[in-house]
PDB file of N, CA and C in Angstrom:
ATOM      1  N   MET A   1       6.828   7.513  -6.586  1.00  0.00           N
ATOM      2  CA  MET A   1       6.968   7.619  -5.151  1.00  0.00           C
ATOM      3  C   MET A   1       7.429   6.269  -4.614  1.00  0.00           C
ATOM      4  N   TYR A   2       8.024   6.296  -3.461  1.00  0.00           N
ATOM      5  CA  TYR A   2       8.561   5.088  -2.847  1.00  0.00           C
ATOM      6  C   TYR A   2       7.519   4.516  -1.885  1.00  0.00           C
ATOM      7  N   LEU A   3       7.267   3.230  -1.985  1.00  0.00           N
ATOM      8  CA  LEU A   3       6.277   2.549  -1.137  1.00  0.00           C
ATOM      9  C   LEU A   3       6.956   1.460  -0.330  1.00  0.00           C
ATOM     10  N   GLU A   4       6.639   1.425   0.951  1.00  0.00           N
ATOM     11  CA  GLU A   4       7.111   0.360   1.831  1.00  0.00           C
ATOM     12  C   GLU A   4       5.884  -0.237   2.521  1.00  0.00           C
ATOM     13  N   ILE A   5       5.688  -1.547   2.371  1.00  0.00           N
ATOM     14  CA  ILE A   5       4.565  -2.240   3.002  1.00  0.00           C
ATOM     15  C   ILE A   5       5.135  -3.123   4.107  1.00  0.00           C
ATOM     16  N   VAL A   6       4.693  -2.855   5.334  1.00  0.00           N
ATOM     17  CA  VAL A   6       5.254  -3.535   6.498  1.00  0.00           C
ATOM     18  C   VAL A   6       4.143  -4.246   7.267  1.00  0.00           C
ATOM     19  N   SER A   7       4.370  -5.524   7.584  1.00  0.00           N
ATOM     20  CA  SER A   7       3.460  -6.296   8.428  1.00  0.00           C
ATOM     21  C   SER A   7       4.205  -6.598   9.731  1.00  0.00           C
ATOM     22  N   PRO A   8       3.513  -7.116  10.742  1.00  0.00           N
ATOM     23  CA  PRO A   8       4.213  -7.459  11.989  1.00  0.00           C
ATOM     24  C   PRO A   8       5.323  -8.506  11.783  1.00  0.00           C
ATOM     25  N   GLU A   9       5.192  -9.333  10.758  1.00  0.00           N
ATOM     26  CA  GLU A   9       6.162 -10.403  10.526  1.00  0.00           C
ATOM     27  C   GLU A   9       7.355  -9.978   9.680  1.00  0.00           C
ATOM     28  N   ALA A  10       7.136  -9.075   8.694  1.00  0.00           N
ATOM     29  CA  ALA A  10       8.202  -8.752   7.739  1.00  0.00           C
ATOM     30  C   ALA A  10       7.836  -7.536   6.904  1.00  0.00           C
ATOM     31  N   THR A  11       8.818  -7.032   6.186  1.00  0.00           N
ATOM     32  CA  THR A  11       8.573  -6.011   5.170  1.00  0.00           C
ATOM     33  C   THR A  11       8.171  -6.749   3.905  1.00  0.00           C
ATOM     34  N   LEU A  12       6.924  -6.551   3.456  1.00  0.00           N
ATOM     35  CA  LEU A  12       6.384  -7.298   2.327  1.00  0.00           C
ATOM     36  C   LEU A  12       6.839  -6.745   0.982  1.00  0.00           C
ATOM     37  N   PHE A  13       7.078  -5.424   0.913  1.00  0.00           N
ATOM     38  CA  PHE A  13       7.485  -4.807  -0.351  1.00  0.00           C
ATOM     39  C   PHE A  13       8.179  -3.488  -0.086  1.00  0.00           C
ATOM     40  N   GLN A  14       9.186  -3.175  -0.909  1.00  0.00           N
ATOM     41  CA  GLN A  14       9.840  -1.872  -0.921  1.00  0.00           C
ATOM     42  C   GLN A  14      10.158  -1.538  -2.366  1.00  0.00           C
ATOM     43  N   GLY A  15       9.746  -0.370  -2.832  1.00  0.00           N
ATOM     44  CA  GLY A  15      10.077   0.019  -4.192  1.00  0.00           C
ATOM     45  C   GLY A  15       9.238   1.171  -4.691  1.00  0.00           C
ATOM     46  N   GLU A  16       9.524   1.573  -5.920  1.00  0.00           N
ATOM     47  CA  GLU A  16       8.828   2.686  -6.565  1.00  0.00           C
ATOM     48  C   GLU A  16       7.496   2.221  -7.159  1.00  0.00           C
ATOM     49  N   VAL A  17       6.450   3.026  -6.983  1.00  0.00           N
ATOM     50  CA  VAL A  17       5.138   2.773  -7.572  1.00  0.00           C
ATOM     51  C   VAL A  17       4.578   4.092  -8.108  1.00  0.00           C
ATOM     52  N   GLU A  18       3.511   4.007  -8.890  1.00  0.00           N
ATOM     53  CA  GLU A  18       2.890   5.200  -9.474  1.00  0.00           C
ATOM     54  C   GLU A  18       1.801   5.788  -8.583  1.00  0.00           C
ATOM     55  N   ALA A  19       0.993   4.918  -7.946  1.00  0.00           N
ATOM     56  CA  ALA A  19      -0.132   5.382  -7.125  1.00  0.00           C
ATOM     57  C   ALA A  19      -0.585   4.254  -6.218  1.00  0.00           C
ATOM     58  N   ILE A  20      -1.288   4.629  -5.153  1.00  0.00           N
ATOM     59  CA  ILE A  20      -1.895   3.638  -4.270  1.00  0.00           C
ATOM     60  C   ILE A  20      -3.262   4.166  -3.832  1.00  0.00           C
ATOM     61  N   SER A  21      -4.276   3.300  -3.909  1.00  0.00           N
ATOM     62  CA  SER A  21      -5.630   3.623  -3.456  1.00  0.00           C
ATOM     63  C   SER A  21      -5.944   2.731  -2.266  1.00  0.00           C
ATOM     64  N   VAL A  22      -6.458   3.329  -1.196  1.00  0.00           N
ATOM     65  CA  VAL A  22      -6.693   2.588   0.041  1.00  0.00           C
ATOM     66  C   VAL A  22      -8.056   2.928   0.632  1.00  0.00           C
ATOM     67  N   PRO A  23      -8.614   2.017   1.453  1.00  0.00           N
ATOM     68  CA  PRO A  23      -9.893   2.281   2.125  1.00  0.00           C
ATOM     69  C   PRO A  23      -9.670   2.998   3.463  1.00  0.00           C
ATOM     70  N   GLY A  24      -9.803   4.311   3.476  1.00  0.00           N
ATOM     71  CA  GLY A  24      -9.650   5.085   4.702  1.00  0.00           C
ATOM     72  C   GLY A  24     -10.896   5.015   5.571  1.00  0.00           C
ATOM     73  N   VAL A  25     -10.757   5.404   6.810  1.00  0.00           N
ATOM     74  CA  VAL A  25     -11.879   5.383   7.756  1.00  0.00           C
ATOM     75  C   VAL A  25     -13.020   6.280   7.259  1.00  0.00           C
ATOM     76  N   GLN A  26     -12.686   7.403   6.625  1.00  0.00           N
ATOM     77  CA  GLN A  26     -13.715   8.317   6.140  1.00  0.00           C
ATOM     78  C   GLN A  26     -13.955   8.171   4.645  1.00  0.00           C
ATOM     79  N   GLY A  27     -13.532   7.057   4.082  1.00  0.00           N
ATOM     80  CA  GLY A  27     -13.743   6.797   2.662  1.00  0.00           C
ATOM     81  C   GLY A  27     -12.435   6.502   1.947  1.00  0.00           C
ATOM     82  N   SER A  28     -12.541   5.894   0.795  1.00  0.00           N
ATOM     83  CA  SER A  28     -11.360   5.533   0.018  1.00  0.00           C
ATOM     84  C   SER A  28     -10.684   6.781  -0.538  1.00  0.00           C
ATOM     85  N   PHE A  29      -9.365   6.707  -0.678  1.00  0.00           N
ATOM     86  CA  PHE A  29      -8.619   7.810  -1.269  1.00  0.00           C
ATOM     87  C   PHE A  29      -7.386   7.275  -1.984  1.00  0.00           C
ATOM     88  N   GLN A  30      -6.828   8.120  -2.854  1.00  0.00           N
ATOM     89  CA  GLN A  30      -5.667   7.747  -3.646  1.00  0.00           C
ATOM     90  C   GLN A  30      -4.505   8.682  -3.324  1.00  0.00           C
ATOM     91  N   VAL A  31      -3.306   8.121  -3.304  1.00  0.00           N
ATOM     92  CA  VAL A  31      -2.090   8.890  -3.077  1.00  0.00           C
ATOM     93  C   VAL A  31      -1.238   8.786  -4.339  1.00  0.00           C
ATOM     94  N   LEU A  32      -0.818   9.949  -4.855  1.00  0.00           N
ATOM     95  CA  LEU A  32       0.024  10.030  -6.046  1.00  0.00           C
ATOM     96  C   LEU A  32       1.361  10.664  -5.672  1.00  0.00           C
ATOM     97  N   ASN A  33       2.287  10.712  -6.641  1.00  0.00           N
ATOM     98  CA  ASN A  33       3.573  11.384  -6.431  1.00  0.00           C
ATOM     99  C   ASN A  33       3.362  12.791  -5.886  1.00  0.00           C
ATOM    100  N   HIS A  34       4.192  13.178  -4.937  1.00  0.00           N
ATOM    101  CA  HIS A  34       4.221  14.521  -4.355  1.00  0.00           C
ATOM    102  C   HIS A  34       2.928  14.906  -3.649  1.00  0.00           C
ATOM    103  N   HIS A  35       2.197  13.922  -3.159  1.00  0.00           N
ATOM    104  CA  HIS A  35       0.984  14.162  -2.366  1.00  0.00           C
ATOM    105  C   HIS A  35       1.378  14.883  -1.079  1.00  0.00           C
ATOM    106  N   ALA A  36       0.504  15.682  -0.554  1.00  0.00           N
ATOM    107  CA  ALA A  36       0.745  16.348   0.731  1.00  0.00           C
ATOM    108  C   ALA A  36       0.917  15.303   1.829  1.00  0.00           C
ATOM    109  N   ALA A  37       1.638  15.674   2.848  1.00  0.00           N
ATOM    110  CA  ALA A  37       1.842  14.766   3.976  1.00  0.00           C
ATOM    111  C   ALA A  37       0.498  14.382   4.585  1.00  0.00           C
ATOM    112  N   ILE A  38       0.352  13.105   4.934  1.00  0.00           N
ATOM    113  CA  ILE A  38      -0.906  12.604   5.489  1.00  0.00           C
ATOM    114  C   ILE A  38      -0.629  11.362   6.335  1.00  0.00           C
ATOM    115  N   VAL A  39      -1.422  11.189   7.369  1.00  0.00           N
ATOM    116  CA  VAL A  39      -1.445   9.958   8.153  1.00  0.00           C
ATOM    117  C   VAL A  39      -2.912   9.569   8.259  1.00  0.00           C
ATOM    118  N   SER A  40      -3.230   8.308   7.944  1.00  0.00           N
ATOM    119  CA  SER A  40      -4.623   7.874   7.964  1.00  0.00           C
ATOM    120  C   SER A  40      -4.740   6.444   8.468  1.00  0.00           C
ATOM    121  N   THR A  41      -5.788   6.212   9.223  1.00  0.00           N
ATOM    122  CA  THR A  41      -6.136   4.857   9.632  1.00  0.00           C
ATOM    123  C   THR A  41      -6.948   4.227   8.513  1.00  0.00           C
ATOM    124  N   LEU A  42      -6.688   2.955   8.241  1.00  0.00           N
ATOM    125  CA  LEU A  42      -7.379   2.246   7.167  1.00  0.00           C
ATOM    126  C   LEU A  42      -8.306   1.191   7.742  1.00  0.00           C
ATOM    127  N   VAL A  43      -9.369   0.904   7.018  1.00  0.00           N
ATOM    128  CA  VAL A  43     -10.319  -0.120   7.423  1.00  0.00           C
ATOM    129  C   VAL A  43     -10.107  -1.375   6.577  1.00  0.00           C
ATOM    130  N   LYS A  44     -10.792  -2.421   6.961  1.00  0.00           N
ATOM    131  CA  LYS A  44     -10.747  -3.677   6.214  1.00  0.00           C
ATOM    132  C   LYS A  44     -11.147  -3.420   4.765  1.00  0.00           C
ATOM    133  N   GLY A  45     -10.415  -3.974   3.847  1.00  0.00           N
ATOM    134  CA  GLY A  45     -10.716  -3.775   2.431  1.00  0.00           C
ATOM    135  C   GLY A  45      -9.524  -4.145   1.575  1.00  0.00           C
ATOM    136  N   GLU A  46      -9.416  -3.472   0.443  1.00  0.00           N
ATOM    137  CA  GLU A  46      -8.388  -3.805  -0.530  1.00  0.00           C
ATOM    138  C   GLU A  46      -7.604  -2.558  -0.920  1.00  0.00           C
ATOM    139  N   ALA A  47      -6.281  -2.666  -0.888  1.00  0.00           N
ATOM    140  CA  ALA A  47      -5.424  -1.588  -1.384  1.00  0.00           C
ATOM    141  C   ALA A  47      -5.073  -1.910  -2.831  1.00  0.00           C
ATOM    142  N   LYS A  48      -5.191  -0.897  -3.710  1.00  0.00           N
ATOM    143  CA  LYS A  48      -4.841  -1.082  -5.116  1.00  0.00           C
ATOM    144  C   LYS A  48      -3.584  -0.269  -5.398  1.00  0.00           C
ATOM    145  N   ILE A  49      -2.554  -0.942  -5.885  1.00  0.00           N
ATOM    146  CA  ILE A  49      -1.272  -0.305  -6.141  1.00  0.00           C
ATOM    147  C   ILE A  49      -1.018  -0.328  -7.639  1.00  0.00           C
ATOM    148  N   GLN A  50      -0.697   0.825  -8.209  1.00  0.00           N
ATOM    149  CA  GLN A  50      -0.418   0.918  -9.636  1.00  0.00           C
ATOM    150  C   GLN A  50       1.081   1.087  -9.840  1.00  0.00           C
ATOM    151  N   GLY A  51       1.614   0.309 -10.777  1.00  0.00           N
ATOM    152  CA  GLY A  51       3.036   0.353 -11.071  1.00  0.00           C
ATOM    153  C   GLY A  51       3.612  -1.051 -11.084  1.00  0.00           C
ATOM    154  N   GLU A  52       4.768  -1.182 -11.659  1.00  0.00           N
ATOM    155  CA  GLU A  52       5.438  -2.482 -11.716  1.00  0.00           C
ATOM    156  C   GLU A  52       5.976  -2.843 -10.336  1.00  0.00           C
ATOM    157  N   MET A  53       5.583  -4.007  -9.840  1.00  0.00           N
ATOM    158  CA  MET A  53       6.047  -4.460  -8.526  1.00  0.00           C
ATOM    159  C   MET A  53       6.665  -5.850  -8.646  1.00  0.00           C
ATOM    160  N   GLU A  54       7.863  -5.994  -8.109  1.00  0.00           N
ATOM    161  CA  GLU A  54       8.485  -7.309  -8.006  1.00  0.00           C
ATOM    162  C   GLU A  54       8.358  -7.748  -6.560  1.00  0.00           C
ATOM    163  N   ILE A  55       7.510  -8.744  -6.339  1.00  0.00           N
ATOM    164  CA  ILE A  55       7.206  -9.202  -4.987  1.00  0.00           C
ATOM    165  C   ILE A  55       7.971 -10.489  -4.727  1.00  0.00           C
ATOM    166  N   ALA A  56       8.634 -10.555  -3.587  1.00  0.00           N
ATOM    167  CA  ALA A  56       9.383 -11.753  -3.219  1.00  0.00           C
ATOM    168  C   ALA A  56       8.441 -12.946  -3.164  1.00  0.00           C
ATOM    169  N   GLU A  57       8.930 -14.093  -3.583  1.00  0.00           N
ATOM    170  CA  GLU A  57       8.104 -15.310  -3.640  1.00  0.00           C
ATOM    171  C   GLU A  57       7.462 -15.636  -2.301  1.00  0.00           C
ATOM    172  N   ALA A  58       8.164 -15.385  -1.210  1.00  0.00           N
ATOM    173  CA  ALA A  58       7.648 -15.700   0.126  1.00  0.00           C
ATOM    174  C   ALA A  58       6.402 -14.887   0.482  1.00  0.00           C
ATOM    175  N   PHE A  59       6.197 -13.736  -0.181  1.00  0.00           N
ATOM    176  CA  PHE A  59       5.081 -12.851   0.160  1.00  0.00           C
ATOM    177  C   PHE A  59       4.017 -12.775  -0.915  1.00  0.00           C
ATOM    178  N   GLN A  60       4.146 -13.517  -1.986  1.00  0.00           N
ATOM    179  CA  GLN A  60       3.196 -13.438  -3.091  1.00  0.00           C
ATOM    180  C   GLN A  60       1.782 -13.828  -2.692  1.00  0.00           C
ATOM    181  N   SER A  61       1.611 -14.618  -1.656  1.00  0.00           N
ATOM    182  CA  SER A  61       0.264 -15.017  -1.227  1.00  0.00           C
ATOM    183  C   SER A  61      -0.533 -13.831  -0.675  1.00  0.00           C
ATOM    184  N   HIS A  62       0.134 -12.745  -0.308  1.00  0.00           N
ATOM    185  CA  HIS A  62      -0.542 -11.552   0.214  1.00  0.00           C
ATOM    186  C   HIS A  62      -1.079 -10.657  -0.897  1.00  0.00           C
ATOM    187  N   PHE A  63      -0.613 -10.893  -2.137  1.00  0.00           N
ATOM    188  CA  PHE A  63      -0.910 -10.003  -3.249  1.00  0.00           C
ATOM    189  C   PHE A  63      -1.636 -10.728  -4.372  1.00  0.00           C
ATOM    190  N   ASN A  64      -2.375  -9.960  -5.171  1.00  0.00           N
ATOM    191  CA  ASN A  64      -3.041 -10.460  -6.371  1.00  0.00           C
ATOM    192  C   ASN A  64      -2.726  -9.473  -7.486  1.00  0.00           C
ATOM    193  N   GLN A  65      -1.979  -9.899  -8.495  1.00  0.00           N
ATOM    194  CA  GLN A  65      -1.580  -8.997  -9.566  1.00  0.00           C
ATOM    195  C   GLN A  65      -2.453  -9.182 -10.797  1.00  0.00           C
ATOM    196  N   LYS A  66      -2.871  -8.043 -11.364  1.00  0.00           N
ATOM    197  CA  LYS A  66      -3.655  -8.014 -12.601  1.00  0.00           C
ATOM    198  C   LYS A  66      -3.058  -6.939 -13.490  1.00  0.00           C
ATOM    199  N   GLY A  67      -2.217  -7.326 -14.418  1.00  0.00           N
ATOM    200  CA  GLY A  67      -1.567  -6.365 -15.310  1.00  0.00           C
ATOM    201  C   GLY A  67      -0.656  -5.435 -14.546  1.00  0.00           C
ATOM    202  N   ASN A  68      -0.885  -4.126 -14.687  1.00  0.00           N
ATOM    203  CA  ASN A  68      -0.057  -3.112 -14.039  1.00  0.00           C
ATOM    204  C   ASN A  68      -0.606  -2.729 -12.665  1.00  0.00           C
ATOM    205  N   GLU A  69      -1.595  -3.481 -12.172  1.00  0.00           N
ATOM    206  CA  GLU A  69      -2.174  -3.209 -10.861  1.00  0.00           C
ATOM    207  C   GLU A  69      -1.973  -4.403  -9.942  1.00  0.00           C
ATOM    208  N   THR A  70      -1.703  -4.100  -8.694  1.00  0.00           N
ATOM    209  CA  THR A  70      -1.515  -5.131  -7.678  1.00  0.00           C
ATOM    210  C   THR A  70      -2.487  -4.838  -6.549  1.00  0.00           C
ATOM    211  N   PHE A  71      -3.131  -5.863  -6.055  1.00  0.00           N
ATOM    212  CA  PHE A  71      -4.107  -5.721  -4.980  1.00  0.00           C
ATOM    213  C   PHE A  71      -3.595  -6.416  -3.721  1.00  0.00           C
ATOM    214  N   LEU A  72      -3.789  -5.766  -2.586  1.00  0.00           N
ATOM    215  CA  LEU A  72      -3.378  -6.287  -1.287  1.00  0.00           C
ATOM    216  C   LEU A  72      -4.582  -6.245  -0.370  1.00  0.00           C
ATOM    217  N   MET A  73      -4.969  -7.387   0.185  1.00  0.00           N
ATOM    218  CA  MET A  73      -6.093  -7.425   1.121  1.00  0.00           C
ATOM    219  C   MET A  73      -5.661  -6.876   2.476  1.00  0.00           C
ATOM    220  N   LEU A  74      -6.437  -5.944   2.988  1.00  0.00           N
ATOM    221  CA  LEU A  74      -6.219  -5.407   4.322  1.00  0.00           C
ATOM    222  C   LEU A  74      -7.272  -6.051   5.221  1.00  0.00           C
ATOM    223  N   SER A  75      -6.998  -7.258   5.676  1.00  0.00           N
ATOM    224  CA  SER A  75      -7.999  -8.031   6.413  1.00  0.00           C
ATOM    225  C   SER A  75      -8.336  -7.424   7.768  1.00  0.00           C
ATOM    226  N   ASN A  76      -7.420  -6.656   8.342  1.00  0.00           N
ATOM    227  CA  ASN A  76      -7.690  -5.997   9.623  1.00  0.00           C
ATOM    228  C   ASN A  76      -7.426  -4.499   9.557  1.00  0.00           C
ATOM    229  N   GLY A  77      -7.411  -3.945   8.361  1.00  0.00           N
ATOM    230  CA  GLY A  77      -7.129  -2.517   8.221  1.00  0.00           C
ATOM    231  C   GLY A  77      -5.639  -2.248   8.298  1.00  0.00           C
ATOM    232  N   GLY A  78      -5.294  -1.054   8.775  1.00  0.00           N
ATOM    233  CA  GLY A  78      -3.888  -0.688   8.869  1.00  0.00           C
ATOM    234  C   GLY A  78      -3.742   0.816   9.003  1.00  0.00           C
ATOM    235  N   THR A  79      -2.539   1.292   8.682  1.00  0.00           N
ATOM    236  CA  THR A  79      -2.223   2.709   8.762  1.00  0.00           C
ATOM    237  C   THR A  79      -1.371   3.097   7.565  1.00  0.00           C
ATOM    238  N   LEU A  80      -1.622   4.285   7.009  1.00  0.00           N
ATOM    239  CA  LEU A  80      -0.833   4.796   5.902  1.00  0.00           C
ATOM    240  C   LEU A  80      -0.241   6.136   6.310  1.00  0.00           C
ATOM    241  N   GLU A  81       1.043   6.306   6.006  1.00  0.00           N
ATOM    242  CA  GLU A  81       1.714   7.584   6.224  1.00  0.00           C
ATOM    243  C   GLU A  81       2.409   8.000   4.934  1.00  0.00           C
ATOM    244  N   MET A  82       2.177   9.236   4.492  1.00  0.00           N
ATOM    245  CA  MET A  82       2.834   9.787   3.306  1.00  0.00           C
ATOM    246  C   MET A  82       3.601  11.017   3.737  1.00  0.00           C
ATOM    247  N   SER A  83       4.895  11.060   3.422  1.00  0.00           N
ATOM    248  CA  SER A  83       5.728  12.208   3.738  1.00  0.00           C
ATOM    249  C   SER A  83       6.943  12.194   2.829  1.00  0.00           C
ATOM    250  N   ASP A  84       7.286  13.332   2.272  1.00  0.00           N
ATOM    251  CA  ASP A  84       8.469  13.467   1.410  1.00  0.00           C
ATOM    252  C   ASP A  84       8.494  12.441   0.281  1.00  0.00           C
ATOM    253  N   ASN A  85       7.346  12.225  -0.343  1.00  0.00           N
ATOM    254  CA  ASN A  85       7.196  11.314  -1.480  1.00  0.00           C
ATOM    255  C   ASN A  85       7.500   9.852  -1.129  1.00  0.00           C
ATOM    256  N   LYS A  86       7.313   9.506   0.143  1.00  0.00           N
ATOM    257  CA  LYS A  86       7.478   8.127   0.614  1.00  0.00           C
ATOM    258  C   LYS A  86       6.213   7.718   1.359  1.00  0.00           C
ATOM    259  N   VAL A  87       5.667   6.559   0.979  1.00  0.00           N
ATOM    260  CA  VAL A  87       4.482   6.014   1.631  1.00  0.00           C
ATOM    261  C   VAL A  87       4.889   4.802   2.447  1.00  0.00           C
ATOM    262  N   ILE A  88       4.480   4.790   3.706  1.00  0.00           N
ATOM    263  CA  ILE A  88       4.657   3.618   4.549  1.00  0.00           C
ATOM    264  C   ILE A  88       3.266   3.095   4.851  1.00  0.00           C
ATOM    265  N   LEU A  89       3.022   1.841   4.462  1.00  0.00           N
ATOM    266  CA  LEU A  89       1.737   1.194   4.692  1.00  0.00           C
ATOM    267  C   LEU A  89       1.944   0.093   5.725  1.00  0.00           C
ATOM    268  N   LEU A  90       1.369   0.282   6.912  1.00  0.00           N
ATOM    269  CA  LEU A  90       1.452  -0.703   7.985  1.00  0.00           C
ATOM    270  C   LEU A  90       0.190  -1.544   7.951  1.00  0.00           C
ATOM    271  N   VAL A  91       0.350  -2.852   7.786  1.00  0.00           N
ATOM    272  CA  VAL A  91      -0.804  -3.759   7.683  1.00  0.00           C
ATOM    273  C   VAL A  91      -0.753  -4.793   8.793  1.00  0.00           C
ATOM    274  N   ASP A  92      -1.935  -5.242   9.218  1.00  0.00           N
ATOM    275  CA  ASP A  92      -2.032  -6.280  10.259  1.00  0.00           C
ATOM    276  C   ASP A  92      -2.063  -7.650   9.627  1.00  0.00           C
TER     277      ASP A  92
END
């Protein structure tokens, strides 16, 4: 699935990933390929992204990579939208 991570300052990442796990308001959940359409508000926590990610040097401070998993701190929460196998993650 295609993932786009957008902050107020810039687009932090765009590319294909295998899965993303996020802290939703009603509990954590995971989005995989061909997931049903969803829009969810996220709370403060950590998003875990599975798949190979090439992150621009200017944005590497936002991410922590451990093997095939990448972690992104959601210090103020955010919003996730999944539609047509594309995830848009809006972060503060």
